[in-house]
Amino acid sequence: MAPLKTAGADQDCVALAEIELCGDLIIAASAADGERLSADRIDEVLRVEPAG
């Protein structure tokens, strides 16, 4: 019988996803021409769907 997934394992998956997104933002920021990323660029990096 396979072990049941625990709440800790779910939290690990969420934490890993958050770390990956932070890494994506760091890479985008280091490649940016300006001092800051625009809100649109952040949404693009984080793969946020436009509202509407």
C-alpha atoms as a PDB file:
ATOM      1  CA  MET A   1       0.000   0.000   0.000  1.00  0.00           C
ATOM      2  CA  ALA A   2       1.346   3.449  -0.918  1.00  0.00           C
ATOM      3  CA  PRO A   3       1.810   5.943   1.915  1.00  0.00           C
ATOM      4  CA  LEU A   4      -0.821   8.638   2.217  1.00  0.00           C
ATOM      5  CA  LYS A   5       0.113  12.185   1.299  1.00  0.00           C
ATOM      6  CA  THR A   6       0.504  14.311   4.385  1.00  0.00           C
ATOM      7  CA  ALA A   7      -0.168  17.988   4.931  1.00  0.00           C
ATOM      8  CA  GLY A   8       3.599  18.464   5.194  1.00  0.00           C
ATOM      9  CA  ALA A   9       4.113  17.091   1.686  1.00  0.00           C
ATOM     10  CA  ASP A  10       1.473  19.473   0.334  1.00  0.00           C
ATOM     11  CA  GLN A  11       3.195  22.381   2.061  1.00  0.00           C
ATOM     12  CA  ASP A  12       6.503  21.279   0.521  1.00  0.00           C
ATOM     13  CA  CYS A  13       4.958  21.383  -2.963  1.00  0.00           C
ATOM     14  CA  VAL A  14       3.589  24.871  -2.353  1.00  0.00           C
ATOM     15  CA  ALA A  15       6.928  26.061  -0.982  1.00  0.00           C
ATOM     16  CA  LEU A  16       8.794  24.672  -4.001  1.00  0.00           C
ATOM     17  CA  ALA A  17       6.362  26.392  -6.379  1.00  0.00           C
ATOM     18  CA  GLU A  18       6.839  29.700  -4.537  1.00  0.00           C
ATOM     19  CA  ILE A  19      10.624  29.319  -4.684  1.00  0.00           C
ATOM     20  CA  GLU A  20      10.451  28.661  -8.428  1.00  0.00           C
ATOM     21  CA  LEU A  21       8.311  31.776  -8.973  1.00  0.00           C
ATOM     22  CA  CYS A  22      10.730  33.879  -6.908  1.00  0.00           C
ATOM     23  CA  GLY A  23      13.592  32.524  -8.981  1.00  0.00           C
ATOM     24  CA  ASP A  24      11.752  33.445 -12.173  1.00  0.00           C
ATOM     25  CA  LEU A  25      11.279  36.995 -10.863  1.00  0.00           C
ATOM     26  CA  ILE A  26      14.958  37.279  -9.916  1.00  0.00           C
ATOM     27  CA  ILE A  27      16.038  36.140 -13.379  1.00  0.00           C
ATOM     28  CA  ALA A  28      13.643  38.586 -15.053  1.00  0.00           C
ATOM     29  CA  ALA A  29      14.809  41.432 -12.811  1.00  0.00           C
ATOM     30  CA  SER A  30      18.468  40.737 -13.526  1.00  0.00           C
ATOM     31  CA  ALA A  31      17.771  40.779 -17.272  1.00  0.00           C
ATOM     32  CA  ALA A  32      15.672  43.971 -17.166  1.00  0.00           C
ATOM     33  CA  ASP A  33      16.970  47.195 -18.664  1.00  0.00           C
ATOM     34  CA  GLY A  34      15.368  49.474 -16.091  1.00  0.00           C
ATOM     35  CA  GLU A  35      15.642  49.680 -12.336  1.00  0.00           C
ATOM     36  CA  ARG A  36      12.325  47.886 -11.737  1.00  0.00           C
ATOM     37  CA  LEU A  37       9.999  45.460 -13.461  1.00  0.00           C
ATOM     38  CA  SER A  38       6.662  46.851 -14.559  1.00  0.00           C
ATOM     39  CA  ALA A  39       3.496  45.333 -13.144  1.00  0.00           C
ATOM     40  CA  ASP A  40       2.746  43.928 -16.602  1.00  0.00           C
ATOM     41  CA  ARG A  41       6.181  42.259 -16.785  1.00  0.00           C
ATOM     42  CA  ILE A  42       5.734  40.779 -13.302  1.00  0.00           C
ATOM     43  CA  ASP A  43       2.346  39.372 -14.342  1.00  0.00           C
ATOM     44  CA  GLU A  44       3.948  37.928 -17.474  1.00  0.00           C
ATOM     45  CA  VAL A  45       6.756  36.267 -15.495  1.00  0.00           C
ATOM     46  CA  LEU A  46       4.284  34.855 -12.953  1.00  0.00           C
ATOM     47  CA  ARG A  47       1.953  33.738 -15.764  1.00  0.00           C
ATOM     48  CA  VAL A  48      -0.995  35.742 -14.412  1.00  0.00           C
ATOM     49  CA  GLU A  49      -3.995  35.702 -16.740  1.00  0.00           C
ATOM     50  CA  PRO A  50      -5.453  39.119 -17.605  1.00  0.00           C
ATOM     51  CA  ALA A  51      -8.712  39.900 -15.806  1.00  0.00           C
ATOM     52  CA  GLY A  52     -11.863  39.919 -17.831  1.00  0.00           C
END
